[in-house]
Amino acid sequence: MARNTTQERIKRLENHLKQENPVLAGCVQSFQKLDNAARKLGLMSADESFATQVSWWPVISVLGTYSAGKSTFMNQYVGKALQRTGNQAVDDKFTVICYGSGTEGASLPGLALDSDPRFPFYQISADIERVAEGEGRRVDSYLQLKALRAESLRGKIFIDSPGFDADQQRSSTLLITDHIINLSDLVLVFFDARHPEPGAMADTLKHLVADTVQRADANKFLYILNQIDNTAREDNPEEVVAAWQRALAQSGLTAGRFYRIYARDAALAIEDPQVRERLESKRDADLAHIEMRIHQVEVERAYRVVGVLEKTARHMLNVQIPLLEQARRRWRKRTLWLSVPVFSAIAALFLWWSFRGGHWDGFYLTPFVNLEIATQIGVLTSLALVAVFLHTKLRGIAGRSVLRSLAKDESLGADSQAIQRAFAWNLRAWWTSLASIKPRGWGRLRRRQVEKVLTESDRFVQSLNDQYASPSGDSNES
């Protein structure tokens, strides 16, 4: 039943994307090919799909410290007081904001996000439960969904996060933060210009800056110093900006734009006309660039989805399969370590018993030779069955020891659950030989299937390039 439900959701998604973006509809089919390969390998259960782990709509996340003006920025962008604002932390939930039918901003519980594959937090409760036992059932205390009929939200999903403080965050909140960073097409990181002591936030800067600048998709992060109008009251307002720039540089952000903005509708009165003009000019230019990047996420979303498809296929080929091969190699070695002493001990006991009893006549075992041929065959068959049974038990013991070591191996990271599940799938195949390290369900046909997905991802990129670029100068317009 779960599998049918998942497949129905994916089919509805594919039908929608055929109308919106046929290239992405093709990506859904390619994800299903990877699903099939992953299930054959035991990496994925029947009710899971790689397609549900991708946000198919453009996602813009808004992160930042407490009272950095994130919610004020969102209210200004949508043109309505959708989010509560204040100098202190006023909301401790991650809020997904999208286009809706109402004009007042309907608010829905976190369950609406956890159970719908169209949204970024599909089945996030299971991940929360893994890092904080019992918290997965309280998904409503972490998430909420707000929908508003605003043209600026059409075709996009915004995620407004609670104020960030790495020193005090729960592991579940950090998990959600990392989750939205990974799936977002654009990440707006806000800092508060009213707090001129950035050096006291070393851990927060590390998580929001130092851990992001080395990412392959680091260009999707925009670092914004908000409420810059407060610096107009300082004797040396430029020093406030310089202090933040130094703090970000120490965290690794030595290049790229550093935006300075403040709310148009909530600005302080600036008496000096020259200072006011300078701040307004900088604010308007930076806001225009931020809004331009927001408008571009539709294009970036398509490339992101194709990139996730390629990354998933390569990860299966270059990471997960080698990890399973390594686990099978350890399984084979441990089975050998157990089998050699056990069978050697049995052989030694048999030789001790037979020599002590005088059952040998040269190279012939007298009791066995004196048996009829049919009986000899029966004895040999019985011994072979006992040996196979004993070997199966020993390889099971060795395999379970490897499985326990995989559960404790922190180096597996996000692959831990999948690798454990796949290795357990290998353990159940008692009839397979350990002479080969090839994982169960993996062969030339399966490899070609995954490699075909890689080829398709290249073709999808070319199709997207044809939509947005024409190096030859030819026009696609009819």
Foldseek 3Di string as FASTA:
>chain_A
DLLVVQVVLLVVVLVVCVVVPPLVSVLSVLQVLVVVLLVQLLLDDSNDTVLLQAQLFAEEEEAEAFLLCRQVVVCLLQVHNQDDHDNGFDAQAKEKEAADDAANKDKAFQVVQCPRSNHNNPVVLVVLCVQPPPCSVVSRNHYMYIHHHGPSRHRYMYIYHTGDQQVPDDPSSLVVVVSSVVRHLAYEYGYELVDLCCVVRLRRLLSLALVQCPDPSNVRYAAEHELLLVLLPPPDSVVSVVSVQVSNVVSPCPDDDYAYAYDPVPHDDRDPPVVVVVRVVRHVVRVVVVSVVVVCSRLSSLLVSLVSLLVSLCCVVPPLQVVLLVLLVQLVVQLCVVVVVVVVVVVVVVVVVQVVVVQDDDPDRNVLVPDDPVVNVVVVVVVVVVSLVVSLVSSLVSLVVSLVVLCVDCVCPPSSVSNSSSSVVQNVPSVDDSVGSGRRSDDPVSNVSSVVSNVSSVVSVVVSCVVPHDVVPDDPDD
